[in-house]
Amino acid sequence: MTELPIAPVDRIIRKAGAERVSQEAAEALANVMENYVIDLTERALILAQHAGRKTIRVDDVRLAASRT
């Protein structure tokens, strides 16, 4: 079970061009998205800690995402 609501994930899939989306596909993508966000956040946190901060800033997120 993911923390992400399925309806917005369904809309994102449709925005990408899909006409129809199964509930299972939307749930699977939500799970993948959640795992990616957790991984990205962990990398951003490492960058913030390296800079001597407890707060994750936008630059930490962008730098962590660019290293993917």
PDB file of N, CA and C in Angstrom:
ATOM      1  N   MET A   1       0.852  -1.185   0.000  1.00  0.00           N
ATOM      2  CA  MET A   1       0.000   0.000   0.000  1.00  0.00           C
ATOM      3  C   MET A   1       0.891   1.240   0.000  1.00  0.00           C
ATOM      4  N   THR A   2       0.619   2.113  -0.893  1.00  0.00           N
ATOM      5  CA  THR A   2       1.414   3.325  -1.054  1.00  0.00           C
ATOM      6  C   THR A   2       0.765   4.507  -0.346  1.00  0.00           C
ATOM      7  N   GLU A   3       1.567   5.494  -0.063  1.00  0.00           N
ATOM      8  CA  GLU A   3       1.071   6.724   0.537  1.00  0.00           C
ATOM      9  C   GLU A   3       0.432   7.630  -0.521  1.00  0.00           C
ATOM     10  N   LEU A   4       0.773   7.394  -1.768  1.00  0.00           N
ATOM     11  CA  LEU A   4       0.276   8.244  -2.846  1.00  0.00           C
ATOM     12  C   LEU A   4      -1.141   7.857  -3.241  1.00  0.00           C
ATOM     13  N   PRO A   5      -2.010   8.836  -3.417  1.00  0.00           N
ATOM     14  CA  PRO A   5      -3.356   8.522  -3.904  1.00  0.00           C
ATOM     15  C   PRO A   5      -3.294   8.068  -5.370  1.00  0.00           C
ATOM     16  N   ILE A   6      -4.132   7.125  -5.713  1.00  0.00           N
ATOM     17  CA  ILE A   6      -4.083   6.512  -7.041  1.00  0.00           C
ATOM     18  C   ILE A   6      -4.656   7.427  -8.126  1.00  0.00           C
ATOM     19  N   ALA A   7      -5.680   8.210  -7.823  1.00  0.00           N
ATOM     20  CA  ALA A   7      -6.315   9.057  -8.840  1.00  0.00           C
ATOM     21  C   ALA A   7      -5.336  10.026  -9.512  1.00  0.00           C
ATOM     22  N   PRO A   8      -4.492  10.740  -8.774  1.00  0.00           N
ATOM     23  CA  PRO A   8      -3.534  11.624  -9.442  1.00  0.00           C
ATOM     24  C   PRO A   8      -2.511  10.860 -10.291  1.00  0.00           C
ATOM     25  N   VAL A   9      -2.141   9.664  -9.835  1.00  0.00           N
ATOM     26  CA  VAL A   9      -1.222   8.842 -10.622  1.00  0.00           C
ATOM     27  C   VAL A   9      -1.896   8.440 -11.929  1.00  0.00           C
ATOM     28  N   ASP A  10      -3.164   8.079 -11.861  1.00  0.00           N
ATOM     29  CA  ASP A  10      -3.934   7.754 -13.061  1.00  0.00           C
ATOM     30  C   ASP A  10      -3.938   8.944 -14.020  1.00  0.00           C
ATOM     31  N   ARG A  11      -4.142  10.146 -13.496  1.00  0.00           N
ATOM     32  CA  ARG A  11      -4.152  11.349 -14.344  1.00  0.00           C
ATOM     33  C   ARG A  11      -2.790  11.590 -14.987  1.00  0.00           C
ATOM     34  N   ILE A  12      -1.722  11.316 -14.254  1.00  0.00           N
ATOM     35  CA  ILE A  12      -0.376  11.485 -14.816  1.00  0.00           C
ATOM     36  C   ILE A  12      -0.165  10.517 -15.974  1.00  0.00           C
ATOM     37  N   ILE A  13      -0.600   9.278 -15.809  1.00  0.00           N
ATOM     38  CA  ILE A  13      -0.473   8.285 -16.881  1.00  0.00           C
ATOM     39  C   ILE A  13      -1.256   8.741 -18.107  1.00  0.00           C
ATOM     40  N   ARG A  14      -2.470   9.233 -17.906  1.00  0.00           N
ATOM     41  CA  ARG A  14      -3.284   9.712 -19.023  1.00  0.00           C
ATOM     42  C   ARG A  14      -2.669  10.941 -19.673  1.00  0.00           C
ATOM     43  N   LYS A  15      -2.066  11.803 -18.859  1.00  0.00           N
ATOM     44  CA  LYS A  15      -1.395  12.999 -19.389  1.00  0.00           C
ATOM     45  C   LYS A  15      -0.234  12.601 -20.302  1.00  0.00           C
ATOM     46  N   ALA A  16       0.363  11.448 -20.019  1.00  0.00           N
ATOM     47  CA  ALA A  16       1.459  10.935 -20.841  1.00  0.00           C
ATOM     48  C   ALA A  16       0.955  10.333 -22.149  1.00  0.00           C
ATOM     49  N   GLY A  17      -0.374  10.211 -22.284  1.00  0.00           N
ATOM     50  CA  GLY A  17      -0.933   9.755 -23.549  1.00  0.00           C
ATOM     51  C   GLY A  17      -1.749   8.484 -23.519  1.00  0.00           C
ATOM     52  N   ALA A  18      -1.834   7.827 -22.376  1.00  0.00           N
ATOM     53  CA  ALA A  18      -2.616   6.597 -22.310  1.00  0.00           C
ATOM     54  C   ALA A  18      -4.106   6.921 -22.310  1.00  0.00           C
ATOM     55  N   GLU A  19      -4.858   6.186 -23.106  1.00  0.00           N
ATOM     56  CA  GLU A  19      -6.314   6.373 -23.130  1.00  0.00           C
ATOM     57  C   GLU A  19      -6.985   5.667 -21.965  1.00  0.00           C
ATOM     58  N   ARG A  20      -6.489   4.468 -21.652  1.00  0.00           N
ATOM     59  CA  ARG A  20      -7.081   3.673 -20.581  1.00  0.00           C
ATOM     60  C   ARG A  20      -5.972   3.204 -19.654  1.00  0.00           C
ATOM     61  N   VAL A  21      -6.307   3.116 -18.380  1.00  0.00           N
ATOM     62  CA  VAL A  21      -5.329   2.701 -17.367  1.00  0.00           C
ATOM     63  C   VAL A  21      -6.023   1.757 -16.399  1.00  0.00           C
ATOM     64  N   SER A  22      -5.429   0.600 -16.185  1.00  0.00           N
ATOM     65  CA  SER A  22      -6.018  -0.318 -15.200  1.00  0.00           C
ATOM     66  C   SER A  22      -5.665   0.164 -13.796  1.00  0.00           C
ATOM     67  N   GLN A  23      -6.496  -0.203 -12.862  1.00  0.00           N
ATOM     68  CA  GLN A  23      -6.252   0.127 -11.458  1.00  0.00           C
ATOM     69  C   GLN A  23      -4.906  -0.435 -11.017  1.00  0.00           C
ATOM     70  N   GLU A  24      -4.609  -1.661 -11.451  1.00  0.00           N
ATOM     71  CA  GLU A  24      -3.354  -2.311 -11.072  1.00  0.00           C
ATOM     72  C   GLU A  24      -2.149  -1.565 -11.631  1.00  0.00           C
ATOM     73  N   ALA A  25      -2.257  -1.044 -12.847  1.00  0.00           N
ATOM     74  CA  ALA A  25      -1.160  -0.292 -13.444  1.00  0.00           C
ATOM     75  C   ALA A  25      -0.926   1.009 -12.689  1.00  0.00           C
ATOM     76  N   ALA A  26      -1.989   1.704 -12.331  1.00  0.00           N
ATOM     77  CA  ALA A  26      -1.863   2.946 -11.577  1.00  0.00           C
ATOM     78  C   ALA A  26      -1.252   2.672 -10.200  1.00  0.00           C
ATOM     79  N   GLU A  27      -1.660   1.587  -9.563  1.00  0.00           N
ATOM     80  CA  GLU A  27      -1.102   1.219  -8.261  1.00  0.00           C
ATOM     81  C   GLU A  27       0.372   0.855  -8.377  1.00  0.00           C
ATOM     82  N   ALA A  28       0.732   0.141  -9.448  1.00  0.00           N
ATOM     83  CA  ALA A  28       2.129  -0.240  -9.657  1.00  0.00           C
ATOM     84  C   ALA A  28       2.998   0.993  -9.867  1.00  0.00           C
ATOM     85  N   LEU A  29       2.507   1.943 -10.669  1.00  0.00           N
ATOM     86  CA  LEU A  29       3.276   3.165 -10.894  1.00  0.00           C
ATOM     87  C   LEU A  29       3.388   3.979  -9.610  1.00  0.00           C
ATOM     88  N   ALA A  30       2.332   4.038  -8.829  1.00  0.00           N
ATOM     89  CA  ALA A  30       2.379   4.756  -7.547  1.00  0.00           C
ATOM     90  C   ALA A  30       3.446   4.141  -6.641  1.00  0.00           C
ATOM     91  N   ASN A  31       3.541   2.828  -6.642  1.00  0.00           N
ATOM     92  CA  ASN A  31       4.551   2.151  -5.841  1.00  0.00           C
ATOM     93  C   ASN A  31       5.959   2.483  -6.326  1.00  0.00           C
ATOM     94  N   VAL A  32       6.159   2.449  -7.631  1.00  0.00           N
ATOM     95  CA  VAL A  32       7.460   2.796  -8.209  1.00  0.00           C
ATOM     96  C   VAL A  32       7.812   4.249  -7.892  1.00  0.00           C
ATOM     97  N   MET A  33       6.824   5.143  -8.032  1.00  0.00           N
ATOM     98  CA  MET A  33       7.051   6.554  -7.748  1.00  0.00           C
ATOM     99  C   MET A  33       7.441   6.755  -6.288  1.00  0.00           C
ATOM    100  N   GLU A  34       6.744   6.087  -5.389  1.00  0.00           N
ATOM    101  CA  GLU A  34       7.043   6.228  -3.971  1.00  0.00           C
ATOM    102  C   GLU A  34       8.453   5.745  -3.659  1.00  0.00           C
ATOM    103  N   ASN A  35       8.842   4.614  -4.223  1.00  0.00           N
ATOM    104  CA  ASN A  35      10.194   4.097  -3.993  1.00  0.00           C
ATOM    105  C   ASN A  35      11.243   5.059  -4.535  1.00  0.00           C
ATOM    106  N   TYR A  36      10.980   5.646  -5.703  1.00  0.00           N
ATOM    107  CA  TYR A  36      11.914   6.612  -6.286  1.00  0.00           C
ATOM    108  C   TYR A  36      12.038   7.845  -5.398  1.00  0.00           C
ATOM    109  N   VAL A  37      10.921   8.348  -4.915  1.00  0.00           N
ATOM    110  CA  VAL A  37      10.932   9.545  -4.068  1.00  0.00           C
ATOM    111  C   VAL A  37      11.667   9.275  -2.754  1.00  0.00           C
ATOM    112  N   ILE A  38      11.476   8.109  -2.186  1.00  0.00           N
ATOM    113  CA  ILE A  38      12.194   7.762  -0.958  1.00  0.00           C
ATOM    114  C   ILE A  38      13.692   7.737  -1.215  1.00  0.00           C
ATOM    115  N   ASP A  39      14.114   7.097  -2.296  1.00  0.00           N
ATOM    116  CA  ASP A  39      15.530   7.027  -2.660  1.00  0.00           C
ATOM    117  C   ASP A  39      16.093   8.426  -2.911  1.00  0.00           C
ATOM    118  N   LEU A  40      15.368   9.231  -3.658  1.00  0.00           N
ATOM    119  CA  LEU A  40      15.798  10.596  -3.958  1.00  0.00           C
ATOM    120  C   LEU A  40      15.917  11.417  -2.676  1.00  0.00           C
ATOM    121  N   THR A  41      14.969  11.279  -1.788  1.00  0.00           N
ATOM    122  CA  THR A  41      14.992  12.009  -0.520  1.00  0.00           C
ATOM    123  C   THR A  41      16.179  11.592   0.333  1.00  0.00           C
ATOM    124  N   GLU A  42      16.477  10.308   0.361  1.00  0.00           N
ATOM    125  CA  GLU A  42      17.631   9.833   1.125  1.00  0.00           C
ATOM    126  C   GLU A  42      18.923  10.443   0.582  1.00  0.00           C
ATOM    127  N   ARG A  43      19.050  10.522  -0.751  1.00  0.00           N
ATOM    128  CA  ARG A  43      20.239  11.130  -1.348  1.00  0.00           C
ATOM    129  C   ARG A  43      20.298  12.630  -1.078  1.00  0.00           C
ATOM    130  N   ALA A  44      19.150  13.301  -1.126  1.00  0.00           N
ATOM    131  CA  ALA A  44      19.103  14.733  -0.829  1.00  0.00           C
ATOM    132  C   ALA A  44      19.455  14.992   0.632  1.00  0.00           C
ATOM    133  N   LEU A  45      19.013  14.114   1.517  1.00  0.00           N
ATOM    134  CA  LEU A  45      19.335  14.246   2.936  1.00  0.00           C
ATOM    135  C   LEU A  45      20.834  14.122   3.173  1.00  0.00           C
ATOM    136  N   ILE A  46      21.466  13.200   2.492  1.00  0.00           N
ATOM    137  CA  ILE A  46      22.923  13.046   2.607  1.00  0.00           C
ATOM    138  C   ILE A  46      23.624  14.331   2.179  1.00  0.00           C
ATOM    139  N   LEU A  47      23.155  14.930   1.102  1.00  0.00           N
ATOM    140  CA  LEU A  47      23.746  16.183   0.632  1.00  0.00           C
ATOM    141  C   LEU A  47      23.557  17.306   1.653  1.00  0.00           C
ATOM    142  N   ALA A  48      22.372  17.392   2.226  1.00  0.00           N
ATOM    143  CA  ALA A  48      22.099  18.422   3.234  1.00  0.00           C
ATOM    144  C   ALA A  48      22.984  18.206   4.458  1.00  0.00           C
ATOM    145  N   GLN A  49      23.099  16.969   4.913  1.00  0.00           N
ATOM    146  CA  GLN A  49      23.928  16.672   6.080  1.00  0.00           C
ATOM    147  C   GLN A  49      25.396  16.972   5.799  1.00  0.00           C
ATOM    148  N   HIS A  50      25.833  16.682   4.583  1.00  0.00           N
ATOM    149  CA  HIS A  50      27.208  16.974   4.203  1.00  0.00           C
ATOM    150  C   HIS A  50      27.484  18.477   4.276  1.00  0.00           C
ATOM    151  N   ALA A  51      26.475  19.277   3.978  1.00  0.00           N
ATOM    152  CA  ALA A  51      26.588  20.737   4.045  1.00  0.00           C
ATOM    153  C   ALA A  51      26.375  21.251   5.472  1.00  0.00           C
ATOM    154  N   GLY A  52      26.160  20.347   6.418  1.00  0.00           N
ATOM    155  CA  GLY A  52      25.976  20.737   7.808  1.00  0.00           C
ATOM    156  C   GLY A  52      24.577  21.221   8.147  1.00  0.00           C
ATOM    157  N   ARG A  53      23.600  20.800   7.347  1.00  0.00           N
ATOM    158  CA  ARG A  53      22.218  21.220   7.572  1.00  0.00           C
ATOM    159  C   ARG A  53      21.333  20.031   7.894  1.00  0.00           C
ATOM    160  N   LYS A  54      20.231  20.317   8.585  1.00  0.00           N
ATOM    161  CA  LYS A  54      19.197  19.320   8.817  1.00  0.00           C
ATOM    162  C   LYS A  54      18.056  19.480   7.815  1.00  0.00           C
ATOM    163  N   THR A  55      17.987  20.646   7.198  1.00  0.00           N
ATOM    164  CA  THR A  55      16.914  20.970   6.261  1.00  0.00           C
ATOM    165  C   THR A  55      17.327  20.627   4.837  1.00  0.00           C
ATOM    166  N   ILE A  56      16.473  19.879   4.153  1.00  0.00           N
ATOM    167  CA  ILE A  56      16.698  19.598   2.736  1.00  0.00           C
ATOM    168  C   ILE A  56      16.212  20.802   1.938  1.00  0.00           C
ATOM    169  N   ARG A  57      17.071  21.316   1.087  1.00  0.00           N
ATOM    170  CA  ARG A  57      16.730  22.466   0.252  1.00  0.00           C
ATOM    171  C   ARG A  57      16.529  22.024  -1.188  1.00  0.00           C
ATOM    172  N   VAL A  58      15.972  22.926  -1.968  1.00  0.00           N
ATOM    173  CA  VAL A  58      15.675  22.627  -3.369  1.00  0.00           C
ATOM    174  C   VAL A  58      16.939  22.222  -4.125  1.00  0.00           C
ATOM    175  N   ASP A  59      18.056  22.848  -3.838  1.00  0.00           N
ATOM    176  CA  ASP A  59      19.301  22.497  -4.524  1.00  0.00           C
ATOM    177  C   ASP A  59      19.745  21.071  -4.192  1.00  0.00           C
ATOM    178  N   ASP A  60      19.469  20.623  -2.969  1.00  0.00           N
ATOM    179  CA  ASP A  60      19.795  19.235  -2.602  1.00  0.00           C
ATOM    180  C   ASP A  60      18.973  18.262  -3.441  1.00  0.00           C
ATOM    181  N   VAL A  61      17.701  18.572  -3.587  1.00  0.00           N
ATOM    182  CA  VAL A  61      16.812  17.709  -4.372  1.00  0.00           C
ATOM    183  C   VAL A  61      17.245  17.687  -5.832  1.00  0.00           C
ATOM    184  N   ARG A  62      17.510  18.851  -6.384  1.00  0.00           N
ATOM    185  CA  ARG A  62      17.921  18.925  -7.791  1.00  0.00           C
ATOM    186  C   ARG A  62      19.230  18.212  -8.042  1.00  0.00           C
ATOM    187  N   LEU A  63      20.187  18.383  -7.138  1.00  0.00           N
ATOM    188  CA  LEU A  63      21.472  17.710  -7.299  1.00  0.00           C
ATOM    189  C   LEU A  63      21.322  16.191  -7.155  1.00  0.00           C
ATOM    190  N   ALA A  64      20.518  15.766  -6.193  1.00  0.00           N
ATOM    191  CA  ALA A  64      20.279  14.334  -6.012  1.00  0.00           C
ATOM    192  C   ALA A  64      19.587  13.758  -7.253  1.00  0.00           C
ATOM    193  N   ALA A  65      18.661  14.491  -7.828  1.00  0.00           N
ATOM    194  CA  ALA A  65      17.954  14.008  -9.024  1.00  0.00           C
ATOM    195  C   ALA A  65      18.867  13.979 -10.245  1.00  0.00           C
ATOM    196  N   SER A  66      19.801  14.895 -10.320  1.00  0.00           N
ATOM    197  CA  SER A  66      20.702  14.938 -11.479  1.00  0.00           C
ATOM    198  C   SER A  66      21.697  13.783 -11.479  1.00  0.00           C
ATOM    199  N   ARG A  67      21.880  13.175 -10.329  1.00  0.00           N
ATOM    200  CA  ARG A  67      22.825  12.052 -10.205  1.00  0.00           C
ATOM    201  C   ARG A  67      22.146  10.717 -10.432  1.00  0.00           C
ATOM    202  N   THR A  68      20.911  10.728 -10.882  1.00  0.00           N
ATOM    203  CA  THR A  68      20.177   9.484 -11.112  1.00  0.00           C
ATOM    204  C   THR A  68      20.482   8.920 -12.475  1.00  0.00           C
TER     205      THR A  68
END
